[in-house]
Amino acid sequence: MELLHTAHVPAGAGPFPTILALHGFGASAHDLLGIAPLVADGEVLFVCPQGPIALDVGQGRRGYAWFPMAGGAEIEPAALVGARGVLEGFLEDAMARYPIDPARLVILGFSQGGVMAYDLALGRPERFRALVALSSWLPDVVVQSLPEDPARAALRTLVIHGSHDPMIAVENAQAARSTLASLGIEAAWGEYEMGHEVGQQALRDLLGWLAQVAFAD
C-alpha cells in the first residue's frame, strides 16, 4: 500500500462496516485511531492513512499533510487532484487487503482531512454510505467542477464544528452546509462550545450518529 497507515480490525472474518479516517494538517495516521474502539463497541473497521507530505511541526517532531497550505486556505487544483489520486489508490488497496464491506463504507475527515473527505465523497457519492466533516471547510475548488449526480442526495452527511475554533471559523462550516444543500444534501449539523478539536459532547453525538444513521440499515 502506497501510504503508511494504522488500522483497527475487529475479530472475525467480516466483512465489516468501515470508516476511512483522514487526519488533519500536521497530524499523523495515529491521530484518529483512538476513536475506533468507541464506535459500535469496536466492531467497525477503521483505516487511517497518513498524508504523503512530511512537515516539521517543531520540537523535532514530524507531522503530515494531504496537500500544501500556502496563501491561507487557497488550494492549488493540481495539488488536490494529486492528493485525490493517492487516496483513491490507497482505498482500492485497502479494500483488497482488509475485510471491508463496500456497502457500509464511511469517509470521515478532520480539518484538512475533511477537505479530502468532501472531495472523495462528493466526487463519487455512490462509493460511500456516509460522509463526516469535523472542524473543516468546503473549498470552491472541490465543488466547482462537480457533475450532476443524483446519488449525492442519498449521501448521509454530518458536519461538526466548534463555535470557538481559532483556526477554521465556524462560518466556514456553515457555508459548507449551505453548499451541500445546493448539491441536494441535507447535512446533519452539530455546533459545540469548543475550539479546533472534537470535544466530549461532539464525540458522543458523533458516535450516536454513526450508530443510528451512518451504519443503520
N, C-alpha and C. Protein backbone atom coordinates (compact mmCIF):
# COMPACT_ATOMS: atom_id res chain seq x y z
N MET A 1 0.85 -1.19 0.00
CA MET A 1 0.00 0.00 0.00
C MET A 1 0.89 1.24 0.00
N GLU A 2 0.51 2.23 -0.79
CA GLU A 2 1.39 3.38 -1.01
C GLU A 2 1.56 4.26 0.23
N LEU A 3 0.53 4.37 1.05
CA LEU A 3 0.60 5.24 2.22
C LEU A 3 0.79 4.42 3.49
N LEU A 4 1.64 4.94 4.38
CA LEU A 4 1.66 4.38 5.72
C LEU A 4 0.29 4.56 6.35
N HIS A 5 -0.12 3.64 7.21
CA HIS A 5 -1.44 3.76 7.81
C HIS A 5 -1.51 2.96 9.09
N THR A 6 -2.52 3.26 9.89
CA THR A 6 -2.86 2.45 11.04
C THR A 6 -4.24 1.86 10.79
N ALA A 7 -4.56 0.78 11.51
CA ALA A 7 -5.85 0.14 11.30
C ALA A 7 -6.32 -0.53 12.58
N HIS A 8 -7.62 -0.51 12.76
CA HIS A 8 -8.29 -1.28 13.81
C HIS A 8 -9.19 -2.27 13.10
N VAL A 9 -8.90 -3.56 13.28
CA VAL A 9 -9.65 -4.61 12.58
C VAL A 9 -10.36 -5.48 13.62
N PRO A 10 -11.68 -5.51 13.61
CA PRO A 10 -12.40 -6.35 14.59
C PRO A 10 -12.07 -7.82 14.41
N ALA A 11 -12.33 -8.58 15.46
CA ALA A 11 -12.13 -10.02 15.38
C ALA A 11 -13.19 -10.63 14.47
N GLY A 12 -12.81 -11.70 13.78
CA GLY A 12 -13.76 -12.38 12.91
C GLY A 12 -13.40 -12.20 11.45
N ALA A 13 -14.22 -12.80 10.61
CA ALA A 13 -13.91 -12.83 9.19
C ALA A 13 -14.42 -11.62 8.43
N GLY A 14 -15.44 -10.95 8.96
CA GLY A 14 -16.01 -9.82 8.23
C GLY A 14 -16.92 -10.31 7.10
N PRO A 15 -17.28 -9.46 6.15
CA PRO A 15 -16.83 -8.07 6.03
C PRO A 15 -17.46 -7.16 7.09
N PHE A 16 -16.76 -6.07 7.39
CA PHE A 16 -17.16 -5.17 8.46
C PHE A 16 -17.55 -3.79 7.92
N PRO A 17 -18.49 -3.13 8.59
CA PRO A 17 -18.67 -1.69 8.32
C PRO A 17 -17.34 -1.01 8.59
N THR A 18 -17.02 -0.01 7.79
CA THR A 18 -15.67 0.55 7.81
C THR A 18 -15.69 2.07 7.77
N ILE A 19 -14.74 2.68 8.48
CA ILE A 19 -14.52 4.12 8.42
C ILE A 19 -13.13 4.37 7.88
N LEU A 20 -13.06 5.12 6.80
CA LEU A 20 -11.80 5.65 6.28
C LEU A 20 -11.62 7.01 6.93
N ALA A 21 -10.64 7.12 7.83
CA ALA A 21 -10.48 8.32 8.68
C ALA A 21 -9.23 9.09 8.25
N LEU A 22 -9.41 10.37 7.92
CA LEU A 22 -8.34 11.20 7.37
C LEU A 22 -7.96 12.30 8.35
N HIS A 23 -6.73 12.30 8.78
CA HIS A 23 -6.25 13.25 9.78
C HIS A 23 -6.09 14.66 9.21
N GLY A 24 -5.87 15.60 10.11
CA GLY A 24 -5.70 16.99 9.72
C GLY A 24 -4.25 17.36 9.46
N PHE A 25 -4.05 18.61 9.05
CA PHE A 25 -2.73 19.15 8.72
C PHE A 25 -1.81 19.08 9.94
N GLY A 26 -0.65 18.46 9.76
CA GLY A 26 0.33 18.37 10.84
C GLY A 26 0.16 17.19 11.77
N ALA A 27 -0.86 16.38 11.57
CA ALA A 27 -1.09 15.20 12.41
C ALA A 27 -0.52 13.96 11.70
N SER A 28 -0.98 12.79 12.09
CA SER A 28 -0.44 11.55 11.53
C SER A 28 -1.51 10.47 11.49
N ALA A 29 -1.12 9.29 11.03
CA ALA A 29 -2.05 8.17 10.93
C ALA A 29 -2.56 7.70 12.28
N HIS A 30 -1.92 8.11 13.36
CA HIS A 30 -2.35 7.70 14.70
C HIS A 30 -3.42 8.63 15.28
N ASP A 31 -3.65 9.75 14.65
CA ASP A 31 -4.42 10.83 15.26
C ASP A 31 -5.87 10.46 15.56
N LEU A 32 -6.52 9.76 14.66
CA LEU A 32 -7.95 9.46 14.81
C LEU A 32 -8.22 8.01 15.22
N LEU A 33 -7.17 7.22 15.33
CA LEU A 33 -7.37 5.79 15.59
C LEU A 33 -8.00 5.55 16.96
N GLY A 34 -7.80 6.48 17.90
CA GLY A 34 -8.36 6.29 19.23
C GLY A 34 -9.88 6.27 19.26
N ILE A 35 -10.52 6.77 18.22
CA ILE A 35 -11.98 6.72 18.15
C ILE A 35 -12.47 5.31 17.88
N ALA A 36 -11.65 4.51 17.22
CA ALA A 36 -12.10 3.21 16.71
C ALA A 36 -12.75 2.31 17.76
N PRO A 37 -12.14 2.12 18.95
CA PRO A 37 -12.76 1.21 19.92
C PRO A 37 -14.10 1.70 20.45
N LEU A 38 -14.39 2.99 20.24
CA LEU A 38 -15.62 3.57 20.77
C LEU A 38 -16.81 3.40 19.84
N VAL A 39 -16.56 3.12 18.57
CA VAL A 39 -17.63 3.02 17.59
C VAL A 39 -18.19 1.60 17.60
N ALA A 40 -19.46 1.47 17.96
CA ALA A 40 -20.14 0.16 17.97
C ALA A 40 -19.32 -0.89 18.71
N ASP A 41 -18.79 -0.50 19.88
CA ASP A 41 -18.01 -1.42 20.73
C ASP A 41 -16.84 -2.03 19.98
N GLY A 42 -16.25 -1.26 19.08
CA GLY A 42 -15.07 -1.73 18.37
C GLY A 42 -15.34 -2.65 17.21
N GLU A 43 -16.61 -2.79 16.83
CA GLU A 43 -16.97 -3.73 15.77
C GLU A 43 -16.99 -3.08 14.38
N VAL A 44 -16.39 -1.91 14.27
CA VAL A 44 -16.26 -1.23 12.98
C VAL A 44 -14.78 -1.18 12.62
N LEU A 45 -14.47 -1.53 11.41
CA LEU A 45 -13.09 -1.49 10.93
C LEU A 45 -12.70 -0.03 10.67
N PHE A 46 -11.53 0.35 11.16
CA PHE A 46 -11.01 1.71 10.98
C PHE A 46 -9.73 1.62 10.17
N VAL A 47 -9.61 2.44 9.13
CA VAL A 47 -8.37 2.54 8.38
C VAL A 47 -7.97 4.00 8.34
N CYS A 48 -6.76 4.30 8.80
CA CYS A 48 -6.31 5.68 8.93
C CYS A 48 -5.01 5.88 8.16
N PRO A 49 -5.09 6.33 6.92
CA PRO A 49 -3.86 6.56 6.15
C PRO A 49 -3.16 7.84 6.61
N GLN A 50 -1.88 7.91 6.29
CA GLN A 50 -1.08 9.08 6.64
C GLN A 50 -0.80 9.91 5.40
N GLY A 51 -0.98 11.21 5.51
CA GLY A 51 -0.75 12.09 4.38
C GLY A 51 0.66 11.94 3.83
N PRO A 52 0.83 12.13 2.53
CA PRO A 52 2.13 11.88 1.89
C PRO A 52 3.14 13.01 2.06
N ILE A 53 2.71 14.18 2.56
CA ILE A 53 3.61 15.32 2.67
C ILE A 53 4.11 15.44 4.10
N ALA A 54 5.43 15.29 4.30
CA ALA A 54 6.02 15.39 5.63
C ALA A 54 6.27 16.85 5.99
N LEU A 55 6.03 17.21 7.26
CA LEU A 55 6.18 18.57 7.75
C LEU A 55 7.01 18.58 9.02
N ASP A 56 7.74 19.65 9.23
CA ASP A 56 8.40 19.89 10.50
C ASP A 56 7.43 20.70 11.35
N VAL A 57 6.91 20.08 12.40
CA VAL A 57 5.93 20.77 13.24
C VAL A 57 6.54 21.30 14.53
N GLY A 58 7.87 21.32 14.59
CA GLY A 58 8.55 21.90 15.74
C GLY A 58 8.96 20.89 16.78
N GLN A 59 9.97 21.26 17.57
CA GLN A 59 10.48 20.42 18.66
C GLN A 59 10.89 19.04 18.16
N GLY A 60 11.44 19.02 16.94
CA GLY A 60 11.93 17.76 16.39
C GLY A 60 10.85 16.78 15.98
N ARG A 61 9.63 17.24 15.92
CA ARG A 61 8.52 16.34 15.58
C ARG A 61 8.12 16.51 14.12
N ARG A 62 7.61 15.42 13.56
CA ARG A 62 7.11 15.44 12.19
C ARG A 62 5.61 15.30 12.17
N GLY A 63 4.99 16.02 11.27
CA GLY A 63 3.57 15.86 11.00
C GLY A 63 3.40 15.63 9.51
N TYR A 64 2.16 15.47 9.10
CA TYR A 64 1.90 15.12 7.71
C TYR A 64 0.67 15.87 7.20
N ALA A 65 0.63 16.01 5.87
CA ALA A 65 -0.46 16.75 5.24
C ALA A 65 -0.87 16.05 3.96
N TRP A 66 -2.06 16.41 3.49
CA TRP A 66 -2.57 15.86 2.23
C TRP A 66 -2.21 16.74 1.05
N PHE A 67 -2.11 18.04 1.30
CA PHE A 67 -1.72 18.98 0.25
C PHE A 67 -1.08 20.19 0.94
N PRO A 68 -0.25 20.94 0.22
CA PRO A 68 0.39 22.10 0.84
C PRO A 68 -0.63 23.18 1.19
N MET A 69 -0.34 23.92 2.24
CA MET A 69 -1.18 25.05 2.64
C MET A 69 -0.34 26.31 2.53
N ALA A 70 -0.52 27.05 1.44
CA ALA A 70 0.20 28.30 1.24
C ALA A 70 -0.81 29.37 0.85
N GLY A 71 -0.58 30.59 1.33
CA GLY A 71 -1.51 31.66 0.99
C GLY A 71 -2.86 31.50 1.63
N GLY A 72 -2.88 31.16 2.92
CA GLY A 72 -4.16 30.99 3.62
C GLY A 72 -4.79 29.66 3.28
N ALA A 73 -6.09 29.68 2.99
CA ALA A 73 -6.82 28.44 2.74
C ALA A 73 -6.90 28.10 1.25
N GLU A 74 -6.17 28.84 0.41
CA GLU A 74 -6.20 28.56 -1.02
C GLU A 74 -5.55 27.21 -1.30
N ILE A 75 -6.16 26.46 -2.19
CA ILE A 75 -5.65 25.14 -2.55
C ILE A 75 -5.39 25.11 -4.05
N GLU A 76 -4.19 24.69 -4.41
CA GLU A 76 -3.88 24.55 -5.82
C GLU A 76 -4.66 23.36 -6.38
N PRO A 77 -5.40 23.55 -7.47
CA PRO A 77 -6.17 22.44 -8.04
C PRO A 77 -5.33 21.20 -8.32
N ALA A 78 -4.11 21.40 -8.84
CA ALA A 78 -3.26 20.25 -9.14
C ALA A 78 -2.90 19.47 -7.88
N ALA A 79 -2.69 20.20 -6.76
CA ALA A 79 -2.37 19.53 -5.51
C ALA A 79 -3.55 18.70 -5.01
N LEU A 80 -4.75 19.23 -5.19
CA LEU A 80 -5.94 18.50 -4.78
C LEU A 80 -6.12 17.24 -5.63
N VAL A 81 -5.93 17.37 -6.92
CA VAL A 81 -6.05 16.22 -7.81
C VAL A 81 -5.03 15.15 -7.44
N GLY A 82 -3.79 15.58 -7.13
CA GLY A 82 -2.77 14.63 -6.74
C GLY A 82 -3.12 13.89 -5.46
N ALA A 83 -3.60 14.63 -4.45
CA ALA A 83 -3.98 14.02 -3.19
C ALA A 83 -5.15 13.06 -3.38
N ARG A 84 -6.10 13.45 -4.22
CA ARG A 84 -7.24 12.59 -4.52
C ARG A 84 -6.78 11.26 -5.12
N GLY A 85 -5.87 11.35 -6.07
CA GLY A 85 -5.39 10.13 -6.73
C GLY A 85 -4.70 9.19 -5.75
N VAL A 86 -3.88 9.76 -4.86
CA VAL A 86 -3.18 8.95 -3.87
C VAL A 86 -4.19 8.26 -2.95
N LEU A 87 -5.20 9.00 -2.51
CA LEU A 87 -6.19 8.41 -1.59
C LEU A 87 -7.07 7.38 -2.29
N GLU A 88 -7.44 7.63 -3.51
CA GLU A 88 -8.25 6.65 -4.23
C GLU A 88 -7.47 5.36 -4.44
N GLY A 89 -6.17 5.48 -4.76
CA GLY A 89 -5.34 4.29 -4.89
C GLY A 89 -5.21 3.55 -3.57
N PHE A 90 -5.04 4.32 -2.48
CA PHE A 90 -4.95 3.70 -1.16
C PHE A 90 -6.22 2.94 -0.83
N LEU A 91 -7.36 3.55 -1.11
CA LEU A 91 -8.64 2.90 -0.80
C LEU A 91 -8.81 1.61 -1.58
N GLU A 92 -8.43 1.61 -2.83
CA GLU A 92 -8.51 0.38 -3.62
C GLU A 92 -7.65 -0.72 -2.98
N ASP A 93 -6.44 -0.36 -2.57
CA ASP A 93 -5.55 -1.33 -1.93
C ASP A 93 -6.13 -1.81 -0.60
N ALA A 94 -6.70 -0.88 0.17
CA ALA A 94 -7.26 -1.25 1.47
C ALA A 94 -8.43 -2.21 1.30
N MET A 95 -9.24 -1.99 0.28
CA MET A 95 -10.39 -2.87 0.07
C MET A 95 -9.94 -4.26 -0.36
N ALA A 96 -8.79 -4.36 -0.98
CA ALA A 96 -8.25 -5.67 -1.34
C ALA A 96 -7.60 -6.36 -0.15
N ARG A 97 -7.07 -5.57 0.78
CA ARG A 97 -6.32 -6.13 1.91
C ARG A 97 -7.18 -6.43 3.12
N TYR A 98 -8.16 -5.56 3.41
CA TYR A 98 -8.95 -5.68 4.63
C TYR A 98 -10.38 -6.13 4.32
N PRO A 99 -11.04 -6.77 5.31
CA PRO A 99 -12.42 -7.25 5.10
C PRO A 99 -13.44 -6.12 5.20
N ILE A 100 -13.40 -5.21 4.25
CA ILE A 100 -14.26 -4.03 4.22
C ILE A 100 -15.57 -4.36 3.52
N ASP A 101 -16.67 -3.99 4.13
CA ASP A 101 -17.97 -4.11 3.47
C ASP A 101 -18.17 -2.88 2.60
N PRO A 102 -18.12 -3.00 1.27
CA PRO A 102 -18.20 -1.82 0.42
C PRO A 102 -19.55 -1.11 0.50
N ALA A 103 -20.57 -1.79 0.99
CA ALA A 103 -21.88 -1.17 1.12
C ALA A 103 -22.02 -0.37 2.41
N ARG A 104 -21.04 -0.49 3.30
CA ARG A 104 -21.09 0.23 4.58
C ARG A 104 -19.74 0.92 4.83
N LEU A 105 -19.36 1.74 3.88
CA LEU A 105 -18.09 2.45 3.94
C LEU A 105 -18.35 3.94 4.20
N VAL A 106 -17.81 4.43 5.30
CA VAL A 106 -17.96 5.83 5.70
C VAL A 106 -16.61 6.52 5.56
N ILE A 107 -16.62 7.75 5.04
CA ILE A 107 -15.40 8.54 5.00
C ILE A 107 -15.53 9.69 5.98
N LEU A 108 -14.51 9.85 6.82
CA LEU A 108 -14.51 10.84 7.89
C LEU A 108 -13.20 11.60 7.83
N GLY A 109 -13.27 12.92 7.96
CA GLY A 109 -12.05 13.70 7.95
C GLY A 109 -12.09 14.85 8.92
N PHE A 110 -10.93 15.13 9.53
CA PHE A 110 -10.79 16.26 10.45
C PHE A 110 -9.97 17.35 9.77
N SER A 111 -10.47 18.59 9.79
CA SER A 111 -9.76 19.74 9.27
C SER A 111 -9.35 19.52 7.81
N GLN A 112 -8.05 19.51 7.49
CA GLN A 112 -7.65 19.29 6.11
C GLN A 112 -8.10 17.92 5.61
N GLY A 113 -8.14 16.95 6.50
CA GLY A 113 -8.67 15.64 6.12
C GLY A 113 -10.13 15.70 5.75
N GLY A 114 -10.86 16.66 6.35
CA GLY A 114 -12.26 16.86 5.99
C GLY A 114 -12.41 17.36 4.57
N VAL A 115 -11.47 18.20 4.12
CA VAL A 115 -11.49 18.65 2.73
C VAL A 115 -11.36 17.45 1.79
N MET A 116 -10.45 16.54 2.12
CA MET A 116 -10.27 15.36 1.28
C MET A 116 -11.50 14.44 1.36
N ALA A 117 -12.13 14.37 2.53
CA ALA A 117 -13.35 13.58 2.66
C ALA A 117 -14.46 14.16 1.79
N TYR A 118 -14.61 15.48 1.83
CA TYR A 118 -15.58 16.13 0.94
C TYR A 118 -15.26 15.81 -0.52
N ASP A 119 -14.00 15.94 -0.89
CA ASP A 119 -13.61 15.76 -2.28
C ASP A 119 -13.93 14.35 -2.78
N LEU A 120 -13.53 13.35 -2.01
CA LEU A 120 -13.76 11.97 -2.46
C LEU A 120 -15.24 11.63 -2.46
N ALA A 121 -15.96 12.02 -1.41
CA ALA A 121 -17.36 11.63 -1.29
C ALA A 121 -18.26 12.36 -2.28
N LEU A 122 -18.02 13.65 -2.48
CA LEU A 122 -18.87 14.40 -3.41
C LEU A 122 -18.56 14.02 -4.85
N GLY A 123 -17.32 13.64 -5.11
CA GLY A 123 -16.96 13.23 -6.46
C GLY A 123 -17.47 11.86 -6.83
N ARG A 124 -17.53 10.96 -5.84
CA ARG A 124 -18.02 9.60 -6.09
C ARG A 124 -18.97 9.18 -4.97
N PRO A 125 -20.13 9.79 -4.88
CA PRO A 125 -21.02 9.54 -3.75
C PRO A 125 -21.54 8.11 -3.68
N GLU A 126 -21.58 7.43 -4.81
CA GLU A 126 -22.09 6.05 -4.80
C GLU A 126 -21.16 5.10 -4.07
N ARG A 127 -19.92 5.51 -3.86
CA ARG A 127 -18.95 4.64 -3.20
C ARG A 127 -19.13 4.63 -1.69
N PHE A 128 -19.68 5.70 -1.11
CA PHE A 128 -19.70 5.85 0.34
C PHE A 128 -21.11 5.84 0.90
N ARG A 129 -21.25 5.19 2.05
CA ARG A 129 -22.53 5.20 2.77
C ARG A 129 -22.76 6.56 3.43
N ALA A 130 -21.67 7.16 3.94
CA ALA A 130 -21.83 8.41 4.68
C ALA A 130 -20.53 9.20 4.65
N LEU A 131 -20.69 10.49 4.98
CA LEU A 131 -19.59 11.46 4.99
C LEU A 131 -19.65 12.23 6.30
N VAL A 132 -18.49 12.37 6.95
CA VAL A 132 -18.39 13.15 8.19
C VAL A 132 -17.27 14.17 8.03
N ALA A 133 -17.58 15.45 8.25
CA ALA A 133 -16.58 16.52 8.21
C ALA A 133 -16.47 17.15 9.59
N LEU A 134 -15.30 17.04 10.20
CA LEU A 134 -15.06 17.54 11.54
C LEU A 134 -14.13 18.75 11.47
N SER A 135 -14.57 19.89 12.00
CA SER A 135 -13.73 21.09 12.07
C SER A 135 -13.07 21.38 10.72
N SER A 136 -13.86 21.41 9.67
CA SER A 136 -13.31 21.51 8.33
C SER A 136 -13.97 22.63 7.53
N TRP A 137 -13.69 22.66 6.24
CA TRP A 137 -14.29 23.63 5.32
C TRP A 137 -14.42 22.99 3.96
N LEU A 138 -15.27 23.55 3.13
CA LEU A 138 -15.52 23.01 1.80
C LEU A 138 -15.11 24.06 0.77
N PRO A 139 -13.89 23.95 0.24
CA PRO A 139 -13.39 24.97 -0.68
C PRO A 139 -14.06 24.89 -2.05
N ASP A 140 -14.06 26.05 -2.73
CA ASP A 140 -14.68 26.12 -4.05
C ASP A 140 -14.05 25.14 -5.03
N VAL A 141 -12.75 24.92 -4.90
CA VAL A 141 -12.06 24.05 -5.85
C VAL A 141 -12.62 22.63 -5.83
N VAL A 142 -13.22 22.22 -4.71
CA VAL A 142 -13.80 20.88 -4.62
C VAL A 142 -15.11 20.80 -5.40
N VAL A 143 -15.90 21.87 -5.36
CA VAL A 143 -17.26 21.78 -5.90
C VAL A 143 -17.42 22.39 -7.28
N GLN A 144 -16.46 23.17 -7.72
CA GLN A 144 -16.69 23.96 -8.94
C GLN A 144 -16.83 23.12 -10.21
N SER A 145 -16.26 21.91 -10.21
CA SER A 145 -16.35 21.09 -11.42
C SER A 145 -17.14 19.80 -11.22
N LEU A 146 -17.91 19.74 -10.15
CA LEU A 146 -18.68 18.52 -9.90
C LEU A 146 -19.80 18.38 -10.93
N PRO A 147 -19.95 17.20 -11.53
CA PRO A 147 -21.08 16.99 -12.44
C PRO A 147 -22.36 16.74 -11.66
N GLU A 148 -23.47 16.85 -12.32
CA GLU A 148 -24.74 16.47 -11.70
C GLU A 148 -24.71 14.99 -11.37
N ASP A 149 -25.14 14.66 -10.16
CA ASP A 149 -25.14 13.24 -9.76
C ASP A 149 -26.26 13.04 -8.74
N PRO A 150 -27.33 12.38 -9.13
CA PRO A 150 -28.45 12.18 -8.20
C PRO A 150 -28.09 11.34 -6.99
N ALA A 151 -26.98 10.58 -7.07
CA ALA A 151 -26.58 9.75 -5.93
C ALA A 151 -26.17 10.59 -4.73
N ARG A 152 -25.83 11.86 -4.94
CA ARG A 152 -25.40 12.70 -3.81
C ARG A 152 -26.50 12.89 -2.79
N ALA A 153 -27.73 12.94 -3.23
CA ALA A 153 -28.84 13.19 -2.30
C ALA A 153 -28.97 12.08 -1.27
N ALA A 154 -28.46 10.90 -1.58
CA ALA A 154 -28.55 9.77 -0.65
C ALA A 154 -27.35 9.67 0.29
N LEU A 155 -26.38 10.58 0.13
CA LEU A 155 -25.17 10.52 0.95
C LEU A 155 -25.45 11.08 2.35
N ARG A 156 -25.48 10.23 3.33
CA ARG A 156 -25.72 10.63 4.71
C ARG A 156 -24.52 11.45 5.19
N THR A 157 -24.78 12.65 5.67
CA THR A 157 -23.68 13.59 5.93
C THR A 157 -23.85 14.26 7.28
N LEU A 158 -22.74 14.38 7.98
CA LEU A 158 -22.69 15.06 9.28
C LEU A 158 -21.56 16.08 9.26
N VAL A 159 -21.88 17.31 9.67
CA VAL A 159 -20.89 18.38 9.80
C VAL A 159 -20.84 18.80 11.26
N ILE A 160 -19.64 18.75 11.84
CA ILE A 160 -19.43 19.12 13.25
C ILE A 160 -18.36 20.20 13.30
N HIS A 161 -18.60 21.22 14.13
CA HIS A 161 -17.64 22.31 14.23
C HIS A 161 -17.73 22.98 15.60
N GLY A 162 -16.63 23.60 15.99
CA GLY A 162 -16.60 24.35 17.23
C GLY A 162 -16.90 25.82 17.02
N SER A 163 -17.74 26.38 17.87
CA SER A 163 -18.10 27.79 17.73
C SER A 163 -16.92 28.71 18.08
N HIS A 164 -15.89 28.17 18.75
CA HIS A 164 -14.72 28.96 19.13
C HIS A 164 -13.46 28.48 18.40
N ASP A 165 -13.63 27.87 17.25
CA ASP A 165 -12.48 27.36 16.50
C ASP A 165 -11.60 28.53 16.04
N PRO A 166 -10.34 28.61 16.52
CA PRO A 166 -9.49 29.74 16.14
C PRO A 166 -8.78 29.54 14.81
N MET A 167 -8.85 28.33 14.26
CA MET A 167 -8.11 28.02 13.04
C MET A 167 -9.01 28.03 11.80
N ILE A 168 -10.20 27.48 11.95
CA ILE A 168 -11.19 27.47 10.86
C ILE A 168 -12.49 27.97 11.47
N ALA A 169 -12.84 29.19 11.18
CA ALA A 169 -14.02 29.80 11.80
C ALA A 169 -15.27 29.01 11.48
N VAL A 170 -16.20 29.00 12.43
CA VAL A 170 -17.43 28.22 12.27
C VAL A 170 -18.22 28.66 11.05
N GLU A 171 -18.04 29.91 10.62
CA GLU A 171 -18.74 30.38 9.42
C GLU A 171 -18.36 29.56 8.18
N ASN A 172 -17.14 29.01 8.19
CA ASN A 172 -16.73 28.16 7.07
C ASN A 172 -17.56 26.88 7.02
N ALA A 173 -17.84 26.32 8.18
CA ALA A 173 -18.66 25.11 8.23
C ALA A 173 -20.11 25.42 7.87
N GLN A 174 -20.59 26.58 8.31
CA GLN A 174 -21.95 26.99 7.96
C GLN A 174 -22.08 27.18 6.44
N ALA A 175 -21.05 27.76 5.83
CA ALA A 175 -21.05 27.91 4.37
C ALA A 175 -21.01 26.56 3.69
N ALA A 176 -20.25 25.61 4.25
CA ALA A 176 -20.20 24.27 3.68
C ALA A 176 -21.58 23.61 3.73
N ARG A 177 -22.27 23.81 4.83
CA ARG A 177 -23.62 23.24 4.96
C ARG A 177 -24.55 23.80 3.88
N SER A 178 -24.44 25.09 3.61
CA SER A 178 -25.27 25.70 2.57
C SER A 178 -24.89 25.16 1.18
N THR A 179 -23.60 24.99 0.95
CA THR A 179 -23.16 24.44 -0.33
C THR A 179 -23.66 23.02 -0.50
N LEU A 180 -23.60 22.24 0.56
CA LEU A 180 -24.11 20.86 0.48
C LEU A 180 -25.60 20.86 0.14
N ALA A 181 -26.35 21.78 0.73
CA ALA A 181 -27.78 21.86 0.43
C ALA A 181 -28.00 22.17 -1.05
N SER A 182 -27.16 23.02 -1.62
CA SER A 182 -27.29 23.34 -3.04
C SER A 182 -26.98 22.14 -3.92
N LEU A 183 -26.25 21.16 -3.37
CA LEU A 183 -25.94 19.93 -4.09
C LEU A 183 -26.95 18.83 -3.81
N GLY A 184 -27.99 19.15 -3.04
CA GLY A 184 -29.03 18.17 -2.74
C GLY A 184 -28.82 17.37 -1.48
N ILE A 185 -27.84 17.78 -0.67
CA ILE A 185 -27.51 17.04 0.56
C ILE A 185 -27.97 17.84 1.77
N GLU A 186 -28.86 17.26 2.56
CA GLU A 186 -29.31 17.89 3.80
C GLU A 186 -28.46 17.33 4.94
N ALA A 187 -27.40 18.04 5.27
CA ALA A 187 -26.45 17.53 6.24
C ALA A 187 -26.95 17.73 7.67
N ALA A 188 -26.71 16.73 8.51
CA ALA A 188 -26.91 16.91 9.95
C ALA A 188 -25.84 17.87 10.45
N TRP A 189 -26.18 18.66 11.48
CA TRP A 189 -25.31 19.74 11.91
C TRP A 189 -25.08 19.68 13.41
N GLY A 190 -23.84 19.84 13.81
CA GLY A 190 -23.52 19.93 15.23
C GLY A 190 -22.54 21.05 15.48
N GLU A 191 -22.95 22.04 16.27
CA GLU A 191 -22.06 23.15 16.65
C GLU A 191 -21.89 23.13 18.16
N TYR A 192 -20.64 23.20 18.62
CA TYR A 192 -20.35 22.97 20.02
C TYR A 192 -19.44 24.06 20.58
N GLU A 193 -19.51 24.24 21.89
CA GLU A 193 -18.65 25.21 22.58
C GLU A 193 -17.26 24.60 22.70
N MET A 194 -16.51 24.66 21.62
CA MET A 194 -15.16 24.08 21.61
C MET A 194 -14.33 24.78 20.54
N GLY A 195 -13.03 24.48 20.53
CA GLY A 195 -12.12 25.04 19.55
C GLY A 195 -11.92 24.11 18.37
N HIS A 196 -10.67 24.02 17.93
CA HIS A 196 -10.32 23.17 16.78
C HIS A 196 -10.04 21.77 17.31
N GLU A 197 -11.10 21.03 17.55
CA GLU A 197 -11.00 19.75 18.26
C GLU A 197 -12.32 19.01 18.12
N VAL A 198 -12.36 17.84 18.73
CA VAL A 198 -13.62 17.11 18.87
C VAL A 198 -13.83 16.90 20.37
N GLY A 199 -14.65 17.77 20.97
CA GLY A 199 -14.89 17.69 22.40
C GLY A 199 -15.74 16.49 22.78
N GLN A 200 -15.93 16.31 24.08
CA GLN A 200 -16.62 15.12 24.57
C GLN A 200 -18.06 15.04 24.10
N GLN A 201 -18.78 16.16 24.14
CA GLN A 201 -20.18 16.12 23.68
C GLN A 201 -20.25 15.88 22.19
N ALA A 202 -19.35 16.52 21.44
CA ALA A 202 -19.31 16.30 20.00
C ALA A 202 -18.99 14.85 19.69
N LEU A 203 -18.08 14.25 20.44
CA LEU A 203 -17.73 12.85 20.23
C LEU A 203 -18.91 11.95 20.53
N ARG A 204 -19.63 12.23 21.62
CA ARG A 204 -20.81 11.41 21.94
C ARG A 204 -21.85 11.49 20.82
N ASP A 205 -22.07 12.68 20.32
CA ASP A 205 -23.05 12.83 19.25
C ASP A 205 -22.57 12.18 17.96
N LEU A 206 -21.27 12.28 17.69
CA LEU A 206 -20.72 11.61 16.51
C LEU A 206 -20.92 10.10 16.60
N LEU A 207 -20.62 9.52 17.74
CA LEU A 207 -20.79 8.07 17.91
C LEU A 207 -22.25 7.67 17.75
N GLY A 208 -23.16 8.48 18.31
CA GLY A 208 -24.58 8.19 18.17
C GLY A 208 -25.03 8.27 16.73
N TRP A 209 -24.56 9.28 16.02
CA TRP A 209 -24.94 9.44 14.62
C TRP A 209 -24.42 8.28 13.76
N LEU A 210 -23.20 7.88 14.02
CA LEU A 210 -22.64 6.75 13.25
C LEU A 210 -23.50 5.50 13.45
N ALA A 211 -23.89 5.25 14.71
CA ALA A 211 -24.66 4.04 15.01
C ALA A 211 -26.09 4.13 14.46
N GLN A 212 -26.71 5.31 14.60
CA GLN A 212 -28.13 5.43 14.28
C GLN A 212 -28.40 5.82 12.83
N VAL A 213 -27.42 6.43 12.17
CA VAL A 213 -27.63 6.92 10.81
C VAL A 213 -26.67 6.30 9.82
N ALA A 214 -25.37 6.48 10.05
CA ALA A 214 -24.39 6.04 9.06
C ALA A 214 -24.43 4.54 8.81
N PHE A 215 -24.54 3.77 9.89
CA PHE A 215 -24.50 2.32 9.75
C PHE A 215 -25.87 1.66 9.94
N ALA A 216 -26.92 2.48 10.01
CA ALA A 216 -28.27 1.92 10.14
C ALA A 216 -28.68 1.28 8.82
N ASP A 217 -29.41 0.21 8.90
CA ASP A 217 -29.88 -0.48 7.67
C ASP A 217 -31.01 0.31 7.02
